């Protein structure tokens, strides 16, 4: 995917609509101690805001704990949920998926 930053508004529509789920938004300025990662999430059950989850890298390996900051469900996202997770500073460019722990 190629993003045209001249017209990007930060709406994250590209994240939800990418058929290969290859687009992620990483905000390295989210806080002094955390990066924010916005990713597509198409599993059930869906996590709730505030939930502690496990953040995974692109190979599916657990890399760090994460906190769910937002769960965006919009009709225009074509049933793809956008999951925003806070991860420790430096993990923003590593985290590409999330796993709920059993019972969550």
C-alpha atoms as a PDB file:
ATOM      1  CA  UNK A   1       0.000   0.000   0.000  1.00  0.00           C
ATOM      2  CA  UNK A   2       1.036   3.553  -0.695  1.00  0.00           C
ATOM      3  CA  UNK A   3      -0.446   6.424   1.295  1.00  0.00           C
ATOM      4  CA  UNK A   4      -0.741   9.867  -0.271  1.00  0.00           C
ATOM      5  CA  UNK A   5       0.013  12.044   2.743  1.00  0.00           C
ATOM      6  CA  UNK A   6      -1.075  15.153   0.818  1.00  0.00           C
ATOM      7  CA  UNK A   7      -4.714  13.989   1.014  1.00  0.00           C
ATOM      8  CA  UNK A   8      -4.669  11.734   4.102  1.00  0.00           C
ATOM      9  CA  UNK A   9      -7.020  13.009   6.819  1.00  0.00           C
ATOM     10  CA  UNK A  10      -6.258  10.293   9.372  1.00  0.00           C
ATOM     11  CA  UNK A  11      -9.746   8.780   9.169  1.00  0.00           C
ATOM     12  CA  UNK A  12      -8.313   5.210   9.069  1.00  0.00           C
ATOM     13  CA  UNK A  13     -10.715   4.167   6.308  1.00  0.00           C
ATOM     14  CA  UNK A  14      -7.738   2.657   4.458  1.00  0.00           C
ATOM     15  CA  UNK A  15      -6.983   0.429   7.466  1.00  0.00           C
ATOM     16  CA  UNK A  16     -10.515  -0.969   7.500  1.00  0.00           C
ATOM     17  CA  UNK A  17     -10.889  -1.330   3.733  1.00  0.00           C
ATOM     18  CA  UNK A  18      -7.507  -2.852   2.801  1.00  0.00           C
ATOM     19  CA  UNK A  19      -8.347  -6.399   1.609  1.00  0.00           C
ATOM     20  CA  UNK A  20      -4.955  -7.729   2.702  1.00  0.00           C
ATOM     21  CA  UNK A  21      -5.117  -6.044   6.111  1.00  0.00           C
ATOM     22  CA  UNK A  22      -1.703  -4.590   5.310  1.00  0.00           C
ATOM     23  CA  UNK A  23      -2.239  -1.011   6.522  1.00  0.00           C
ATOM     24  CA  UNK A  24      -1.682   0.051  10.116  1.00  0.00           C
ATOM     25  CA  UNK A  25      -1.534   3.489  11.716  1.00  0.00           C
ATOM     26  CA  UNK A  26       1.234   4.025  14.253  1.00  0.00           C
ATOM     27  CA  UNK A  27       1.262   7.116  16.455  1.00  0.00           C
ATOM     28  CA  UNK A  28       4.674   7.362  18.093  1.00  0.00           C
ATOM     29  CA  UNK A  29       3.666  10.604  19.792  1.00  0.00           C
ATOM     30  CA  UNK A  30       0.662   9.087  21.613  1.00  0.00           C
ATOM     31  CA  UNK A  31       2.311   9.590  25.009  1.00  0.00           C
ATOM     32  CA  UNK A  32       5.742   9.775  26.599  1.00  0.00           C
ATOM     33  CA  UNK A  33       5.657   6.074  27.452  1.00  0.00           C
ATOM     34  CA  UNK A  34       3.378   4.494  24.830  1.00  0.00           C
ATOM     35  CA  UNK A  35       2.884   4.201  21.073  1.00  0.00           C
ATOM     36  CA  UNK A  36      -0.621   3.810  19.634  1.00  0.00           C
ATOM     37  CA  UNK A  37      -1.291   1.192  16.941  1.00  0.00           C
ATOM     38  CA  UNK A  38      -4.542   1.144  14.951  1.00  0.00           C
ATOM     39  CA  UNK A  39      -5.126  -2.209  13.274  1.00  0.00           C
ATOM     40  CA  UNK A  40      -7.923  -4.175  11.616  1.00  0.00           C
ATOM     41  CA  UNK A  41      -9.511  -6.797  13.872  1.00  0.00           C
ATOM     42  CA  UNK A  42     -11.912  -9.432  12.516  1.00  0.00           C
ATOM     43  CA  UNK A  43     -12.161 -11.987  15.325  1.00  0.00           C
ATOM     44  CA  UNK A  44     -14.840 -12.750  17.892  1.00  0.00           C
ATOM     45  CA  UNK A  45     -15.198 -11.943  20.631  1.00  0.00           C
ATOM     46  CA  UNK A  46     -14.110  -8.356  20.184  1.00  0.00           C
ATOM     47  CA  UNK A  47     -12.173  -6.766  23.033  1.00  0.00           C
ATOM     48  CA  UNK A  48     -13.607  -3.943  25.096  1.00  0.00           C
ATOM     49  CA  UNK A  49     -11.975  -0.578  25.775  1.00  0.00           C
ATOM     50  CA  UNK A  50      -9.608  -0.864  28.703  1.00  0.00           C
ATOM     51  CA  UNK A  51      -8.967  -4.598  28.245  1.00  0.00           C
ATOM     52  CA  UNK A  52      -5.453  -5.923  28.703  1.00  0.00           C
ATOM     53  CA  UNK A  53      -4.454  -8.005  25.682  1.00  0.00           C
ATOM     54  CA  UNK A  54      -1.349  -9.593  24.195  1.00  0.00           C
ATOM     55  CA  UNK A  55       0.250  -7.767  21.265  1.00  0.00           C
ATOM     56  CA  UNK A  56       1.705  -9.940  18.506  1.00  0.00           C
ATOM     57  CA  UNK A  57       4.302  -9.327  15.813  1.00  0.00           C
ATOM     58  CA  UNK A  58       3.808 -10.128  12.127  1.00  0.00           C
ATOM     59  CA  UNK A  59       4.713 -13.792  12.730  1.00  0.00           C
ATOM     60  CA  UNK A  60       2.085 -14.187  15.450  1.00  0.00           C
ATOM     61  CA  UNK A  61       4.572 -14.268  18.310  1.00  0.00           C
ATOM     62  CA  UNK A  62       3.670 -12.470  21.542  1.00  0.00           C
ATOM     63  CA  UNK A  63       5.892  -9.404  21.969  1.00  0.00           C
ATOM     64  CA  UNK A  64       4.341  -7.284  24.738  1.00  0.00           C
ATOM     65  CA  UNK A  65       1.272  -6.518  26.776  1.00  0.00           C
ATOM     66  CA  UNK A  66      -1.119  -3.927  25.345  1.00  0.00           C
ATOM     67  CA  UNK A  67      -4.133  -1.924  26.451  1.00  0.00           C
ATOM     68  CA  UNK A  68      -7.216  -1.416  24.272  1.00  0.00           C
ATOM     69  CA  UNK A  69      -7.786   2.314  23.815  1.00  0.00           C
ATOM     70  CA  UNK A  70     -10.606   2.227  21.257  1.00  0.00           C
ATOM     71  CA  UNK A  71     -12.768  -0.218  19.315  1.00  0.00           C
ATOM     72  CA  UNK A  72     -14.297   1.472  16.271  1.00  0.00           C
ATOM     73  CA  UNK A  73     -17.255  -0.217  14.601  1.00  0.00           C
ATOM     74  CA  UNK A  74     -18.727   1.649  11.654  1.00  0.00           C
ATOM     75  CA  UNK A  75     -20.929   0.474   8.823  1.00  0.00           C
ATOM     76  CA  UNK A  76     -18.604   2.076   6.286  1.00  0.00           C
ATOM     77  CA  UNK A  77     -15.790  -0.187   7.543  1.00  0.00           C
ATOM     78  CA  UNK A  78     -17.605  -3.198   6.006  1.00  0.00           C
ATOM     79  CA  UNK A  79     -17.685  -5.240   9.245  1.00  0.00           C
ATOM     80  CA  UNK A  80     -13.981  -4.733   9.959  1.00  0.00           C
ATOM     81  CA  UNK A  81     -13.392  -3.389  13.451  1.00  0.00           C
ATOM     82  CA  UNK A  82     -10.559  -0.935  14.020  1.00  0.00           C
ATOM     83  CA  UNK A  83      -8.705  -1.766  17.199  1.00  0.00           C
ATOM     84  CA  UNK A  84      -6.528   0.932  18.771  1.00  0.00           C
ATOM     85  CA  UNK A  85      -4.014  -0.390  21.288  1.00  0.00           C
ATOM     86  CA  UNK A  86      -1.432   1.337  23.447  1.00  0.00           C
ATOM     87  CA  UNK A  87       1.886  -0.479  23.592  1.00  0.00           C
ATOM     88  CA  UNK A  88       5.136   0.398  25.360  1.00  0.00           C
ATOM     89  CA  UNK A  89       7.232   3.010  23.543  1.00  0.00           C
ATOM     90  CA  UNK A  90       9.252   1.398  20.765  1.00  0.00           C
ATOM     91  CA  UNK A  91       6.813  -1.421  20.009  1.00  0.00           C
ATOM     92  CA  UNK A  92       4.629   0.593  17.617  1.00  0.00           C
ATOM     93  CA  UNK A  93       6.487  -0.585  14.527  1.00  0.00           C
ATOM     94  CA  UNK A  94       6.568  -4.185  15.780  1.00  0.00           C
ATOM     95  CA  UNK A  95       2.961  -4.879  16.826  1.00  0.00           C
ATOM     96  CA  UNK A  96       0.682  -6.054  13.992  1.00  0.00           C
ATOM     97  CA  UNK A  97      -2.013  -8.145  15.697  1.00  0.00           C
ATOM     98  CA  UNK A  98      -3.670  -8.765  19.050  1.00  0.00           C
ATOM     99  CA  UNK A  99      -4.813 -11.775  21.022  1.00  0.00           C
ATOM    100  CA  UNK A 100      -7.365 -11.862  23.783  1.00  0.00           C
ATOM    101  CA  UNK A 101      -6.511 -14.167  26.608  1.00  0.00           C
ATOM    102  CA  UNK A 102      -8.840 -17.069  27.388  1.00  0.00           C
ATOM    103  CA  UNK A 103     -11.917 -15.917  29.270  1.00  0.00           C
ATOM    104  CA  UNK A 104     -11.718 -12.266  28.158  1.00  0.00           C
END
